Structure formats: structure tokens, C-alpha cells
Amino acid sequence: MNTLSQANLQLVSKCGLYCGNCKKYMSNKCGGCEANEKASWCKVRACCMENGYDSCADCTTTNPRECKKFNNFISSFFELFFRSDRKASIEFIRENGRKSFIHLMIDEKRMAIKK
């Protein structure tokens, strides 16, 4: 069960999801973005790791709304299916920090800001 004292900065994915509220993560079927080496297909994760970013919120070269790596078929499907707005999540992290984002996600029991 998530509590504010259990907030872990490593559970914020590169693309702006909070893995701490993910059913796969909570059932030990996924290690989360940072530890999930099987996610080599994820261009966002690869870009962030290559550039030393904790998430896209750290990127200073482009806006997530304009980034082709961030906006791809898989992410569009994910946003539609889960009614999530990862771009808004990244913008929230930029403005308020990862801890505030985690607290918001824990309070709302969500993985991302809702569309």
C-alpha cells in the first residue's frame, strides 16, 4: 500500500508515469521504468538514459508536446486506453518537482494526470 512516507523518486518513469500505482509493479510483474531492462524498445527511456535525465522533465532541448520520441504510436495508444496525459504529468514535474508529483499520484491513486 502506498503512503507518502513510501514515496520513491525512482518510481517516476522517464515519460511521466508513477510506477508506484501500477498494478504490474505492485504485483512484482515489472521492476518499474528504471530497472526494467526489457524496456529496451522504449525510445523515451533510452533518450533519458543517454542524456542522464531522470525523466523528460529534465530535457531542455524540446517540449514533450513536440518531441517525436515522446509522441509515438505506443504512447498515443497508452494515453487513449488509460485516459492519461503524460505530457501534463511532465509539465507538472517541471513546475513542482517529482516529490509533489508522487504525492499527487498517491493521493489520486493514479499513474498519470488524467485527461
N, C-alpha and C. Protein backbone atom coordinates (compact mmCIF):
# COMPACT_ATOMS: atom_id res chain seq x y z
N MET A 1 0.83 -1.18 0.00
CA MET A 1 0.00 0.00 0.00
C MET A 1 0.88 1.25 0.00
N ASN A 2 0.54 2.23 -0.83
CA ASN A 2 1.32 3.45 -0.95
C ASN A 2 0.98 4.43 0.16
N THR A 3 2.00 5.01 0.73
CA THR A 3 1.82 6.12 1.66
C THR A 3 2.83 7.18 1.28
N LEU A 4 2.61 8.38 1.76
CA LEU A 4 3.54 9.45 1.43
C LEU A 4 4.95 9.14 1.92
N SER A 5 5.08 8.45 3.04
CA SER A 5 6.41 8.12 3.55
C SER A 5 7.12 7.09 2.69
N GLN A 6 6.37 6.37 1.86
CA GLN A 6 6.98 5.37 1.00
C GLN A 6 7.29 5.91 -0.39
N ALA A 7 7.09 7.21 -0.62
CA ALA A 7 7.34 7.81 -1.93
C ALA A 7 8.79 7.57 -2.33
N ASN A 8 8.96 7.04 -3.52
CA ASN A 8 10.28 6.71 -4.03
C ASN A 8 10.47 7.44 -5.36
N LEU A 9 11.43 8.33 -5.43
CA LEU A 9 11.66 9.10 -6.65
C LEU A 9 11.95 8.23 -7.85
N GLN A 10 12.52 7.05 -7.64
CA GLN A 10 12.83 6.14 -8.75
C GLN A 10 11.59 5.53 -9.38
N LEU A 11 10.42 5.72 -8.75
CA LEU A 11 9.19 5.15 -9.30
C LEU A 11 8.48 6.11 -10.25
N VAL A 12 9.11 7.25 -10.54
CA VAL A 12 8.59 8.13 -11.59
C VAL A 12 9.29 7.71 -12.88
N SER A 13 8.49 7.28 -13.85
CA SER A 13 9.07 6.80 -15.10
C SER A 13 9.65 7.95 -15.92
N LYS A 14 10.43 7.62 -16.90
CA LYS A 14 11.05 8.62 -17.76
C LYS A 14 10.01 9.46 -18.49
N CYS A 15 8.85 8.88 -18.79
CA CYS A 15 7.82 9.57 -19.58
C CYS A 15 6.73 10.19 -18.73
N GLY A 16 6.85 10.16 -17.41
CA GLY A 16 5.89 10.85 -16.57
C GLY A 16 4.79 10.01 -15.98
N LEU A 17 5.04 8.74 -15.79
CA LEU A 17 4.09 7.88 -15.10
C LEU A 17 4.61 7.63 -13.69
N TYR A 18 3.70 7.35 -12.77
CA TYR A 18 4.12 6.97 -11.43
C TYR A 18 3.94 5.46 -11.29
N CYS A 19 5.04 4.74 -11.38
CA CYS A 19 5.02 3.27 -11.34
C CYS A 19 4.51 2.73 -10.01
N GLY A 20 4.60 3.51 -8.95
CA GLY A 20 4.16 3.07 -7.63
C GLY A 20 2.68 2.72 -7.56
N ASN A 21 1.89 3.22 -8.49
CA ASN A 21 0.46 2.89 -8.54
C ASN A 21 0.11 1.93 -9.67
N CYS A 22 1.09 1.36 -10.30
CA CYS A 22 0.88 0.44 -11.41
C CYS A 22 0.61 -0.98 -10.88
N LYS A 23 -0.44 -1.60 -11.38
CA LYS A 23 -0.79 -2.95 -10.92
C LYS A 23 0.31 -3.95 -11.21
N LYS A 24 0.96 -3.84 -12.36
CA LYS A 24 2.06 -4.76 -12.68
C LYS A 24 3.23 -4.58 -11.72
N TYR A 25 3.55 -3.32 -11.42
CA TYR A 25 4.63 -3.06 -10.48
C TYR A 25 4.28 -3.59 -9.10
N MET A 26 3.07 -3.31 -8.65
CA MET A 26 2.65 -3.73 -7.29
C MET A 26 2.55 -5.24 -7.16
N SER A 27 2.35 -5.95 -8.28
CA SER A 27 2.28 -7.42 -8.22
C SER A 27 3.61 -8.06 -8.61
N ASN A 28 4.68 -7.26 -8.62
CA ASN A 28 6.04 -7.73 -8.92
C ASN A 28 6.19 -8.31 -10.31
N LYS A 29 5.38 -7.84 -11.26
CA LYS A 29 5.50 -8.30 -12.65
C LYS A 29 6.29 -7.32 -13.49
N CYS A 30 6.69 -6.21 -12.90
CA CYS A 30 7.50 -5.19 -13.59
C CYS A 30 8.37 -4.53 -12.54
N GLY A 31 9.60 -4.25 -12.89
CA GLY A 31 10.52 -3.61 -11.95
C GLY A 31 10.44 -2.09 -11.96
N GLY A 32 9.55 -1.54 -12.79
CA GLY A 32 9.48 -0.09 -12.92
C GLY A 32 10.39 0.36 -14.05
N CYS A 33 10.24 1.57 -14.48
CA CYS A 33 10.96 2.09 -15.64
C CYS A 33 12.47 1.99 -15.49
N GLU A 34 12.97 2.44 -14.38
CA GLU A 34 14.42 2.49 -14.17
C GLU A 34 15.06 1.10 -14.24
N ALA A 35 14.44 0.12 -13.61
CA ALA A 35 15.02 -1.21 -13.50
C ALA A 35 14.60 -2.16 -14.62
N ASN A 36 13.62 -1.77 -15.43
CA ASN A 36 13.07 -2.68 -16.44
C ASN A 36 13.94 -2.72 -17.68
N GLU A 37 14.94 -3.59 -17.67
CA GLU A 37 15.86 -3.71 -18.80
C GLU A 37 15.18 -4.28 -20.04
N LYS A 38 14.02 -4.92 -19.87
CA LYS A 38 13.26 -5.43 -21.01
C LYS A 38 12.66 -4.30 -21.83
N ALA A 39 12.64 -3.10 -21.29
CA ALA A 39 12.04 -1.95 -21.98
C ALA A 39 13.02 -1.29 -22.93
N SER A 40 13.90 -2.08 -23.53
CA SER A 40 14.88 -1.53 -24.47
C SER A 40 14.20 -0.94 -25.70
N TRP A 41 12.96 -1.32 -25.97
CA TRP A 41 12.18 -0.81 -27.09
C TRP A 41 11.73 0.63 -26.87
N CYS A 42 11.76 1.11 -25.62
CA CYS A 42 11.23 2.43 -25.29
C CYS A 42 12.23 3.53 -25.64
N LYS A 43 11.89 4.33 -26.65
CA LYS A 43 12.76 5.40 -27.11
C LYS A 43 12.89 6.52 -26.08
N VAL A 44 11.83 6.75 -25.33
CA VAL A 44 11.86 7.79 -24.29
C VAL A 44 12.86 7.39 -23.21
N ARG A 45 12.76 6.16 -22.75
CA ARG A 45 13.67 5.66 -21.70
C ARG A 45 15.11 5.73 -22.19
N ALA A 46 15.35 5.27 -23.43
CA ALA A 46 16.70 5.27 -23.99
C ALA A 46 17.25 6.70 -24.09
N CYS A 47 16.44 7.64 -24.55
CA CYS A 47 16.87 9.03 -24.68
C CYS A 47 17.24 9.61 -23.32
N CYS A 48 16.38 9.39 -22.34
CA CYS A 48 16.65 9.92 -21.00
C CYS A 48 17.91 9.32 -20.41
N MET A 49 18.09 8.02 -20.59
CA MET A 49 19.28 7.37 -20.04
C MET A 49 20.55 7.86 -20.75
N GLU A 50 20.47 8.03 -22.08
CA GLU A 50 21.63 8.53 -22.84
C GLU A 50 22.03 9.94 -22.41
N ASN A 51 21.04 10.74 -22.05
CA ASN A 51 21.29 12.14 -21.68
C ASN A 51 21.40 12.37 -20.18
N GLY A 52 21.25 11.32 -19.39
CA GLY A 52 21.38 11.44 -17.94
C GLY A 52 20.19 12.11 -17.26
N TYR A 53 19.02 12.04 -17.90
CA TYR A 53 17.82 12.66 -17.34
C TYR A 53 17.09 11.67 -16.45
N ASP A 54 16.53 12.16 -15.35
CA ASP A 54 15.64 11.33 -14.53
C ASP A 54 14.34 11.09 -15.26
N SER A 55 13.88 12.10 -15.99
CA SER A 55 12.67 11.98 -16.81
C SER A 55 12.73 13.05 -17.88
N CYS A 56 11.73 13.07 -18.76
CA CYS A 56 11.65 14.09 -19.81
C CYS A 56 11.51 15.49 -19.22
N ALA A 57 11.13 15.59 -17.97
CA ALA A 57 11.02 16.89 -17.31
C ALA A 57 12.38 17.59 -17.24
N ASP A 58 13.46 16.83 -17.30
CA ASP A 58 14.81 17.40 -17.23
C ASP A 58 15.33 17.88 -18.58
N CYS A 59 14.65 17.52 -19.65
CA CYS A 59 15.11 17.86 -21.00
C CYS A 59 14.94 19.36 -21.26
N THR A 60 15.99 19.97 -21.76
CA THR A 60 15.95 21.40 -22.08
C THR A 60 15.96 21.66 -23.58
N THR A 61 16.04 20.60 -24.39
CA THR A 61 16.12 20.79 -25.83
C THR A 61 14.77 20.79 -26.53
N THR A 62 13.77 20.17 -25.93
CA THR A 62 12.46 20.12 -26.58
C THR A 62 11.34 20.03 -25.56
N ASN A 63 10.17 20.34 -26.00
CA ASN A 63 8.96 20.23 -25.20
C ASN A 63 8.36 18.86 -25.48
N PRO A 64 7.87 18.13 -24.46
CA PRO A 64 7.30 16.80 -24.72
C PRO A 64 6.16 16.82 -25.74
N ARG A 65 5.45 17.91 -25.83
CA ARG A 65 4.34 18.01 -26.79
C ARG A 65 4.84 18.05 -28.23
N GLU A 66 6.14 18.34 -28.43
CA GLU A 66 6.71 18.42 -29.77
C GLU A 66 7.73 17.32 -30.05
N CYS A 67 8.10 16.55 -29.06
CA CYS A 67 9.14 15.52 -29.20
C CYS A 67 8.60 14.28 -29.89
N LYS A 68 9.29 13.86 -30.96
CA LYS A 68 8.85 12.68 -31.71
C LYS A 68 9.11 11.38 -30.94
N LYS A 69 10.10 11.37 -30.10
CA LYS A 69 10.34 10.18 -29.28
C LYS A 69 9.25 10.03 -28.23
N PHE A 70 8.82 11.14 -27.66
CA PHE A 70 7.78 11.13 -26.63
C PHE A 70 6.41 10.83 -27.22
N ASN A 71 6.13 11.39 -28.37
CA ASN A 71 4.84 11.22 -29.04
C ASN A 71 4.95 10.17 -30.14
N ASN A 72 4.71 8.95 -29.78
CA ASN A 72 4.78 7.86 -30.76
C ASN A 72 3.50 7.03 -30.66
N PHE A 73 3.38 6.02 -31.51
CA PHE A 73 2.17 5.21 -31.58
C PHE A 73 1.86 4.55 -30.23
N ILE A 74 2.85 3.98 -29.60
CA ILE A 74 2.64 3.27 -28.34
C ILE A 74 2.16 4.24 -27.25
N SER A 75 2.78 5.41 -27.17
CA SER A 75 2.36 6.36 -26.14
C SER A 75 0.96 6.90 -26.42
N SER A 76 0.62 7.09 -27.69
CA SER A 76 -0.72 7.56 -28.04
C SER A 76 -1.77 6.53 -27.64
N PHE A 77 -1.48 5.26 -27.90
CA PHE A 77 -2.38 4.18 -27.51
C PHE A 77 -2.53 4.13 -25.99
N PHE A 78 -1.42 4.23 -25.28
CA PHE A 78 -1.43 4.18 -23.82
C PHE A 78 -2.29 5.31 -23.27
N GLU A 79 -2.10 6.52 -23.80
CA GLU A 79 -2.87 7.67 -23.31
C GLU A 79 -4.36 7.49 -23.56
N LEU A 80 -4.70 6.97 -24.72
CA LEU A 80 -6.11 6.76 -25.06
C LEU A 80 -6.71 5.68 -24.16
N PHE A 81 -6.03 4.55 -24.04
CA PHE A 81 -6.53 3.41 -23.28
C PHE A 81 -6.69 3.73 -21.80
N PHE A 82 -5.70 4.42 -21.23
CA PHE A 82 -5.71 4.70 -19.79
C PHE A 82 -6.22 6.11 -19.46
N ARG A 83 -6.62 6.87 -20.47
CA ARG A 83 -7.09 8.25 -20.29
C ARG A 83 -6.10 9.05 -19.45
N SER A 84 -4.83 8.93 -19.80
CA SER A 84 -3.79 9.63 -19.06
C SER A 84 -3.16 10.71 -19.93
N ASP A 85 -2.60 11.71 -19.30
CA ASP A 85 -1.94 12.80 -20.00
C ASP A 85 -0.51 12.90 -19.50
N ARG A 86 0.37 12.11 -20.11
CA ARG A 86 1.77 12.09 -19.68
C ARG A 86 2.44 13.44 -19.90
N LYS A 87 2.02 14.15 -20.96
CA LYS A 87 2.60 15.47 -21.21
C LYS A 87 2.30 16.42 -20.05
N ALA A 88 1.06 16.37 -19.58
CA ALA A 88 0.68 17.20 -18.42
C ALA A 88 1.46 16.75 -17.18
N SER A 89 1.71 15.45 -17.07
CA SER A 89 2.49 14.94 -15.94
C SER A 89 3.91 15.50 -15.98
N ILE A 90 4.54 15.49 -17.16
CA ILE A 90 5.90 16.03 -17.31
C ILE A 90 5.90 17.52 -16.99
N GLU A 91 4.90 18.24 -17.46
CA GLU A 91 4.82 19.67 -17.17
C GLU A 91 4.64 19.91 -15.67
N PHE A 92 3.84 19.08 -15.01
CA PHE A 92 3.66 19.20 -13.56
C PHE A 92 4.98 18.95 -12.85
N ILE A 93 5.72 17.93 -13.27
CA ILE A 93 7.02 17.63 -12.66
C ILE A 93 7.98 18.79 -12.85
N ARG A 94 8.00 19.37 -14.05
CA ARG A 94 8.88 20.52 -14.30
C ARG A 94 8.56 21.68 -13.37
N GLU A 95 7.29 21.93 -13.15
CA GLU A 95 6.87 23.08 -12.35
C GLU A 95 6.93 22.83 -10.84
N ASN A 96 6.68 21.58 -10.43
CA ASN A 96 6.51 21.29 -8.99
C ASN A 96 7.49 20.27 -8.43
N GLY A 97 8.19 19.54 -9.27
CA GLY A 97 9.13 18.53 -8.81
C GLY A 97 8.52 17.14 -8.72
N ARG A 98 9.40 16.15 -8.68
CA ARG A 98 8.95 14.75 -8.65
C ARG A 98 8.24 14.39 -7.35
N LYS A 99 8.72 14.93 -6.23
CA LYS A 99 8.05 14.60 -4.95
C LYS A 99 6.61 15.07 -4.95
N SER A 100 6.36 16.28 -5.42
CA SER A 100 4.98 16.78 -5.47
C SER A 100 4.13 15.93 -6.41
N PHE A 101 4.73 15.52 -7.52
CA PHE A 101 4.02 14.66 -8.46
C PHE A 101 3.65 13.33 -7.81
N ILE A 102 4.60 12.73 -7.11
CA ILE A 102 4.35 11.46 -6.42
C ILE A 102 3.23 11.63 -5.40
N HIS A 103 3.28 12.68 -4.62
CA HIS A 103 2.24 12.91 -3.61
C HIS A 103 0.87 13.05 -4.27
N LEU A 104 0.82 13.78 -5.39
CA LEU A 104 -0.44 13.94 -6.11
C LEU A 104 -0.95 12.60 -6.63
N MET A 105 -0.06 11.79 -7.19
CA MET A 105 -0.47 10.49 -7.73
C MET A 105 -0.91 9.55 -6.62
N ILE A 106 -0.23 9.58 -5.49
CA ILE A 106 -0.62 8.74 -4.36
C ILE A 106 -2.00 9.17 -3.86
N ASP A 107 -2.18 10.48 -3.71
CA ASP A 107 -3.48 10.99 -3.24
C ASP A 107 -4.61 10.62 -4.20
N GLU A 108 -4.35 10.71 -5.51
CA GLU A 108 -5.39 10.45 -6.51
C GLU A 108 -5.45 8.98 -6.94
N LYS A 109 -4.50 8.17 -6.45
CA LYS A 109 -4.42 6.75 -6.80
C LYS A 109 -4.37 6.56 -8.32
N ARG A 110 -3.47 7.32 -8.94
CA ARG A 110 -3.32 7.30 -10.39
C ARG A 110 -1.85 7.09 -10.77
N MET A 111 -1.65 6.80 -12.04
CA MET A 111 -0.29 6.67 -12.58
C MET A 111 0.14 7.94 -13.33
N ALA A 112 -0.83 8.74 -13.76
CA ALA A 112 -0.53 9.97 -14.50
C ALA A 112 -1.68 10.95 -14.32
N ILE A 113 -1.44 12.17 -14.69
CA ILE A 113 -2.52 13.16 -14.66
C ILE A 113 -3.57 12.72 -15.66
N LYS A 114 -4.81 12.84 -15.25
CA LYS A 114 -5.94 12.35 -16.06
C LYS A 114 -6.28 13.34 -17.18
N LYS A 115 -6.61 12.79 -18.34
CA LYS A 115 -7.06 13.61 -19.48
C LYS A 115 -8.44 14.13 -19.22
